[in-house]
C-alpha atoms as a PDB file:
ATOM      1  CA  UNK A   1     -18.234  19.117  31.346  1.00  0.00           C
ATOM      2  CA  UNK A   2     -19.258  21.618  33.996  1.00  0.00           C
ATOM      3  CA  UNK A   3     -22.703  22.940  34.765  1.00  0.00           C
ATOM      4  CA  UNK A   4     -23.491  26.097  36.715  1.00  0.00           C
ATOM      5  CA  UNK A   5     -26.497  26.914  38.919  1.00  0.00           C
ATOM      6  CA  UNK A   6     -28.683  27.989  35.973  1.00  0.00           C
ATOM      7  CA  UNK A   7     -28.045  24.829  33.977  1.00  0.00           C
ATOM      8  CA  UNK A   8     -25.607  26.130  31.356  1.00  0.00           C
ATOM      9  CA  UNK A   9     -23.220  23.422  30.230  1.00  0.00           C
ATOM     10  CA  UNK A  10     -19.718  24.211  29.023  1.00  0.00           C
ATOM     11  CA  UNK A  11     -17.470  21.546  27.612  1.00  0.00           C
ATOM     12  CA  UNK A  12     -13.757  22.309  28.090  1.00  0.00           C
ATOM     13  CA  UNK A  13     -11.736  19.429  26.638  1.00  0.00           C
ATOM     14  CA  UNK A  14      -8.082  18.892  27.479  1.00  0.00           C
ATOM     15  CA  UNK A  15      -7.112  21.079  24.508  1.00  0.00           C
ATOM     16  CA  UNK A  16      -8.697  24.060  26.337  1.00  0.00           C
ATOM     17  CA  UNK A  17     -11.216  24.985  23.657  1.00  0.00           C
ATOM     18  CA  UNK A  18     -14.498  26.043  25.229  1.00  0.00           C
ATOM     19  CA  UNK A  19     -17.592  24.618  23.553  1.00  0.00           C
ATOM     20  CA  UNK A  20     -20.946  25.943  24.720  1.00  0.00           C
ATOM     21  CA  UNK A  21     -23.697  24.128  22.863  1.00  0.00           C
ATOM     22  CA  UNK A  22     -26.358  26.499  24.260  1.00  0.00           C
ATOM     23  CA  UNK A  23     -24.649  29.698  23.027  1.00  0.00           C
ATOM     24  CA  UNK A  24     -27.110  31.400  20.627  1.00  0.00           C
ATOM     25  CA  UNK A  25     -25.851  31.340  17.059  1.00  0.00           C
ATOM     26  CA  UNK A  26     -27.785  31.243  13.781  1.00  0.00           C
ATOM     27  CA  UNK A  27     -27.422  31.258  10.013  1.00  0.00           C
ATOM     28  CA  UNK A  28     -30.395  31.518   7.661  1.00  0.00           C
ATOM     29  CA  UNK A  29     -30.469  31.590   3.856  1.00  0.00           C
ATOM     30  CA  UNK A  30     -33.500  33.029   2.060  1.00  0.00           C
ATOM     31  CA  UNK A  31     -35.477  30.076   0.677  1.00  0.00           C
ATOM     32  CA  UNK A  32     -36.921  31.870  -2.344  1.00  0.00           C
ATOM     33  CA  UNK A  33     -37.035  35.180  -4.165  1.00  0.00           C
ATOM     34  CA  UNK A  34     -39.645  37.774  -3.219  1.00  0.00           C
ATOM     35  CA  UNK A  35     -41.027  39.916  -6.041  1.00  0.00           C
ATOM     36  CA  UNK A  36     -41.846  43.629  -5.963  1.00  0.00           C
ATOM     37  CA  UNK A  37     -41.163  44.133  -2.251  1.00  0.00           C
ATOM     38  CA  UNK A  38     -39.676  47.633  -2.242  1.00  0.00           C
ATOM     39  CA  UNK A  39     -38.613  50.463  -4.521  1.00  0.00           C
ATOM     40  CA  UNK A  40     -41.163  53.073  -3.457  1.00  0.00           C
ATOM     41  CA  UNK A  41     -39.811  53.451   0.088  1.00  0.00           C
ATOM     42  CA  UNK A  42     -41.566  50.355   1.405  1.00  0.00           C
ATOM     43  CA  UNK A  43     -39.599  48.818   4.282  1.00  0.00           C
ATOM     44  CA  UNK A  44     -39.344  45.088   3.573  1.00  0.00           C
ATOM     45  CA  UNK A  45     -38.451  42.758   6.428  1.00  0.00           C
ATOM     46  CA  UNK A  46     -36.318  39.955   5.046  1.00  0.00           C
ATOM     47  CA  UNK A  47     -37.922  36.574   5.721  1.00  0.00           C
ATOM     48  CA  UNK A  48     -41.440  38.003   5.957  1.00  0.00           C
ATOM     49  CA  UNK A  49     -42.237  36.800   2.445  1.00  0.00           C
ATOM     50  CA  UNK A  50     -40.286  33.671   1.656  1.00  0.00           C
ATOM     51  CA  UNK A  51     -38.922  32.225   4.872  1.00  0.00           C
ATOM     52  CA  UNK A  52     -35.298  31.628   5.708  1.00  0.00           C
ATOM     53  CA  UNK A  53     -33.933  28.110   5.620  1.00  0.00           C
ATOM     54  CA  UNK A  54     -32.082  27.497   8.868  1.00  0.00           C
ATOM     55  CA  UNK A  55     -28.579  26.219   8.307  1.00  0.00           C
ATOM     56  CA  UNK A  56     -27.620  26.719  11.964  1.00  0.00           C
ATOM     57  CA  UNK A  57     -29.893  27.645  14.865  1.00  0.00           C
ATOM     58  CA  UNK A  58     -28.058  26.743  18.023  1.00  0.00           C
ATOM     59  CA  UNK A  59     -30.401  27.242  21.006  1.00  0.00           C
ATOM     60  CA  UNK A  60     -33.487  27.769  18.742  1.00  0.00           C
ATOM     61  CA  UNK A  61     -33.537  31.589  19.005  1.00  0.00           C
ATOM     62  CA  UNK A  62     -34.021  32.347  15.270  1.00  0.00           C
ATOM     63  CA  UNK A  63     -37.404  32.142  13.579  1.00  0.00           C
ATOM     64  CA  UNK A  64     -37.460  31.470   9.845  1.00  0.00           C
ATOM     65  CA  UNK A  65     -39.533  34.661   9.403  1.00  0.00           C
ATOM     66  CA  UNK A  66     -36.247  36.484  10.065  1.00  0.00           C
ATOM     67  CA  UNK A  67     -36.630  37.305  13.766  1.00  0.00           C
ATOM     68  CA  UNK A  68     -33.904  36.593  16.316  1.00  0.00           C
ATOM     69  CA  UNK A  69     -35.000  36.681  19.977  1.00  0.00           C
ATOM     70  CA  UNK A  70     -32.181  37.198  22.452  1.00  0.00           C
ATOM     71  CA  UNK A  71     -32.581  34.736  25.356  1.00  0.00           C
ATOM     72  CA  UNK A  72     -30.484  36.733  27.859  1.00  0.00           C
ATOM     73  CA  UNK A  73     -29.105  40.248  28.230  1.00  0.00           C
ATOM     74  CA  UNK A  74     -25.861  40.597  26.310  1.00  0.00           C
ATOM     75  CA  UNK A  75     -24.099  41.814  23.193  1.00  0.00           C
ATOM     76  CA  UNK A  76     -24.936  40.234  19.838  1.00  0.00           C
ATOM     77  CA  UNK A  77     -23.104  40.375  16.522  1.00  0.00           C
ATOM     78  CA  UNK A  78     -25.116  40.264  13.290  1.00  0.00           C
ATOM     79  CA  UNK A  79     -23.987  40.090   9.684  1.00  0.00           C
ATOM     80  CA  UNK A  80     -25.339  39.096   6.331  1.00  0.00           C
ATOM     81  CA  UNK A  81     -25.964  39.996   2.731  1.00  0.00           C
ATOM     82  CA  UNK A  82     -29.179  41.196   1.134  1.00  0.00           C
ATOM     83  CA  UNK A  83     -29.294  40.411  -2.576  1.00  0.00           C
ATOM     84  CA  UNK A  84     -31.829  42.159  -4.749  1.00  0.00           C
ATOM     85  CA  UNK A  85     -32.586  43.094  -8.325  1.00  0.00           C
ATOM     86  CA  UNK A  86     -34.682  45.488 -10.339  1.00  0.00           C
ATOM     87  CA  UNK A  87     -32.951  48.761  -9.441  1.00  0.00           C
ATOM     88  CA  UNK A  88     -34.081  51.427 -11.912  1.00  0.00           C
ATOM     89  CA  UNK A  89     -32.687  54.838 -12.784  1.00  0.00           C
ATOM     90  CA  UNK A  90     -35.378  56.504 -10.653  1.00  0.00           C
ATOM     91  CA  UNK A  91     -34.314  54.707  -7.468  1.00  0.00           C
ATOM     92  CA  UNK A  92     -32.136  57.011  -5.412  1.00  0.00           C
ATOM     93  CA  UNK A  93     -31.536  55.355  -2.039  1.00  0.00           C
ATOM     94  CA  UNK A  94     -30.919  51.863  -0.683  1.00  0.00           C
ATOM     95  CA  UNK A  95     -30.867  51.142   3.066  1.00  0.00           C
ATOM     96  CA  UNK A  96     -30.181  47.962   4.977  1.00  0.00           C
ATOM     97  CA  UNK A  97     -31.023  48.037   8.675  1.00  0.00           C
ATOM     98  CA  UNK A  98     -30.777  45.768  11.686  1.00  0.00           C
ATOM     99  CA  UNK A  99     -33.826  46.672  13.762  1.00  0.00           C
ATOM    100  CA  UNK A 100     -33.582  45.705  17.435  1.00  0.00           C
ATOM    101  CA  UNK A 101     -35.839  46.451  20.369  1.00  0.00           C
ATOM    102  CA  UNK A 102     -33.294  48.970  21.685  1.00  0.00           C
ATOM    103  CA  UNK A 103     -31.976  50.641  18.525  1.00  0.00           C
ATOM    104  CA  UNK A 104     -32.079  50.569  14.733  1.00  0.00           C
ATOM    105  CA  UNK A 105     -28.679  50.224  13.094  1.00  0.00           C
ATOM    106  CA  UNK A 106     -28.416  51.713   9.610  1.00  0.00           C
ATOM    107  CA  UNK A 107     -25.783  49.397   8.236  1.00  0.00           C
ATOM    108  CA  UNK A 108     -25.721  50.344   4.571  1.00  0.00           C
ATOM    109  CA  UNK A 109     -26.940  53.442   2.828  1.00  0.00           C
ATOM    110  CA  UNK A 110     -26.156  54.020  -0.828  1.00  0.00           C
ATOM    111  CA  UNK A 111     -27.333  56.354  -3.472  1.00  0.00           C
ATOM    112  CA  UNK A 112     -28.728  53.853  -5.942  1.00  0.00           C
ATOM    113  CA  UNK A 113     -26.978  55.333  -8.982  1.00  0.00           C
ATOM    114  CA  UNK A 114     -23.638  54.651  -7.264  1.00  0.00           C
ATOM    115  CA  UNK A 115     -24.274  50.959  -6.693  1.00  0.00           C
ATOM    116  CA  UNK A 116     -26.210  49.651  -9.688  1.00  0.00           C
ATOM    117  CA  UNK A 117     -24.437  47.152 -11.874  1.00  0.00           C
ATOM    118  CA  UNK A 118     -25.310  46.575 -15.510  1.00  0.00           C
ATOM    119  CA  UNK A 119     -28.225  44.227 -14.801  1.00  0.00           C
ATOM    120  CA  UNK A 120     -29.720  46.279 -11.938  1.00  0.00           C
ATOM    121  CA  UNK A 121     -28.842  43.637  -9.338  1.00  0.00           C
ATOM    122  CA  UNK A 122     -26.756  44.061  -6.220  1.00  0.00           C
ATOM    123  CA  UNK A 123     -25.474  42.295  -3.116  1.00  0.00           C
ATOM    124  CA  UNK A 124     -24.976  44.502  -0.076  1.00  0.00           C
ATOM    125  CA  UNK A 125     -23.398  43.189   3.104  1.00  0.00           C
ATOM    126  CA  UNK A 126     -23.882  44.482   6.620  1.00  0.00           C
ATOM    127  CA  UNK A 127     -22.624  44.043  10.175  1.00  0.00           C
ATOM    128  CA  UNK A 128     -23.853  45.330  13.527  1.00  0.00           C
ATOM    129  CA  UNK A 129     -22.906  44.790  17.138  1.00  0.00           C
ATOM    130  CA  UNK A 130     -25.971  45.357  19.300  1.00  0.00           C
ATOM    131  CA  UNK A 131     -26.671  45.464  23.004  1.00  0.00           C
ATOM    132  CA  UNK A 132     -29.777  43.440  23.708  1.00  0.00           C
ATOM    133  CA  UNK A 133     -31.865  42.633  26.734  1.00  0.00           C
ATOM    134  CA  UNK A 134     -33.500  39.270  27.401  1.00  0.00           C
ATOM    135  CA  UNK A 135     -36.476  38.788  25.008  1.00  0.00           C
ATOM    136  CA  UNK A 136     -35.391  41.669  22.721  1.00  0.00           C
ATOM    137  CA  UNK A 137     -35.741  40.925  19.029  1.00  0.00           C
ATOM    138  CA  UNK A 138     -33.746  41.732  15.919  1.00  0.00           C
ATOM    139  CA  UNK A 139     -35.006  41.796  12.326  1.00  0.00           C
ATOM    140  CA  UNK A 140     -33.300  42.722   9.062  1.00  0.00           C
ATOM    141  CA  UNK A 141     -34.802  45.141   6.539  1.00  0.00           C
ATOM    142  CA  UNK A 142     -34.251  46.362   2.984  1.00  0.00           C
ATOM    143  CA  UNK A 143     -35.620  49.674   1.699  1.00  0.00           C
ATOM    144  CA  UNK A 144     -35.206  51.112  -1.788  1.00  0.00           C
ATOM    145  CA  UNK A 145     -36.682  54.576  -2.294  1.00  0.00           C
ATOM    146  CA  UNK A 146     -37.898  57.130  -4.824  1.00  0.00           C
ATOM    147  CA  UNK A 147     -39.034  54.791  -7.566  1.00  0.00           C
ATOM    148  CA  UNK A 148     -41.676  52.165  -8.085  1.00  0.00           C
ATOM    149  CA  UNK A 149     -42.365  48.920  -6.238  1.00  0.00           C
ATOM    150  CA  UNK A 150     -40.320  46.683  -8.569  1.00  0.00           C
ATOM    151  CA  UNK A 151     -37.314  45.589  -6.499  1.00  0.00           C
ATOM    152  CA  UNK A 152     -37.031  41.843  -5.837  1.00  0.00           C
ATOM    153  CA  UNK A 153     -34.981  39.890  -3.299  1.00  0.00           C
ATOM    154  CA  UNK A 154     -32.929  36.900  -4.422  1.00  0.00           C
ATOM    155  CA  UNK A 155     -31.929  33.613  -2.842  1.00  0.00           C
ATOM    156  CA  UNK A 156     -28.340  34.835  -2.434  1.00  0.00           C
ATOM    157  CA  UNK A 157     -29.541  36.635   0.727  1.00  0.00           C
ATOM    158  CA  UNK A 158     -28.509  35.405   4.178  1.00  0.00           C
ATOM    159  CA  UNK A 159     -28.401  36.589   7.792  1.00  0.00           C
ATOM    160  CA  UNK A 160     -26.400  35.333  10.737  1.00  0.00           C
ATOM    161  CA  UNK A 161     -25.793  36.249  14.318  1.00  0.00           C
ATOM    162  CA  UNK A 162     -24.350  35.167  17.616  1.00  0.00           C
ATOM    163  CA  UNK A 163     -24.459  36.180  21.249  1.00  0.00           C
ATOM    164  CA  UNK A 164     -20.942  37.371  22.044  1.00  0.00           C
ATOM    165  CA  UNK A 165     -21.120  38.096  25.771  1.00  0.00           C
END
């Protein structure tokens, strides 16, 4: 194991894999469904109702309210799936965004009538690669528009991310 001047440890075993136990990486699964969170254009931040359950939070940079705080300047990769139900005929737009301190990434935008299944439920996945400065944050939002506030999140929702470089 080697340690540099700022205290970062990297384990490079004889098989040449590099293991950095301080490299930010997280995975959170929504702990419960949230009812009537969007549908009328309300921007709902995932994790702000029912918290995420942390499956992985290497370096403790992810808060269960759905906020990732980047510890150093770098490039981060985010992905996940927002699962929701209650889409009605009046709903016309669905947007999933990764909102960072530097930029908002519109990851998914659908006309609702193109994505509804027979029971009005849907799973939409997203990815984003974001440049972030030290202490910048990232959150994950769901917005359904042009109807009423009847759209619910489900526990099939998850978010994950990692500092790449």
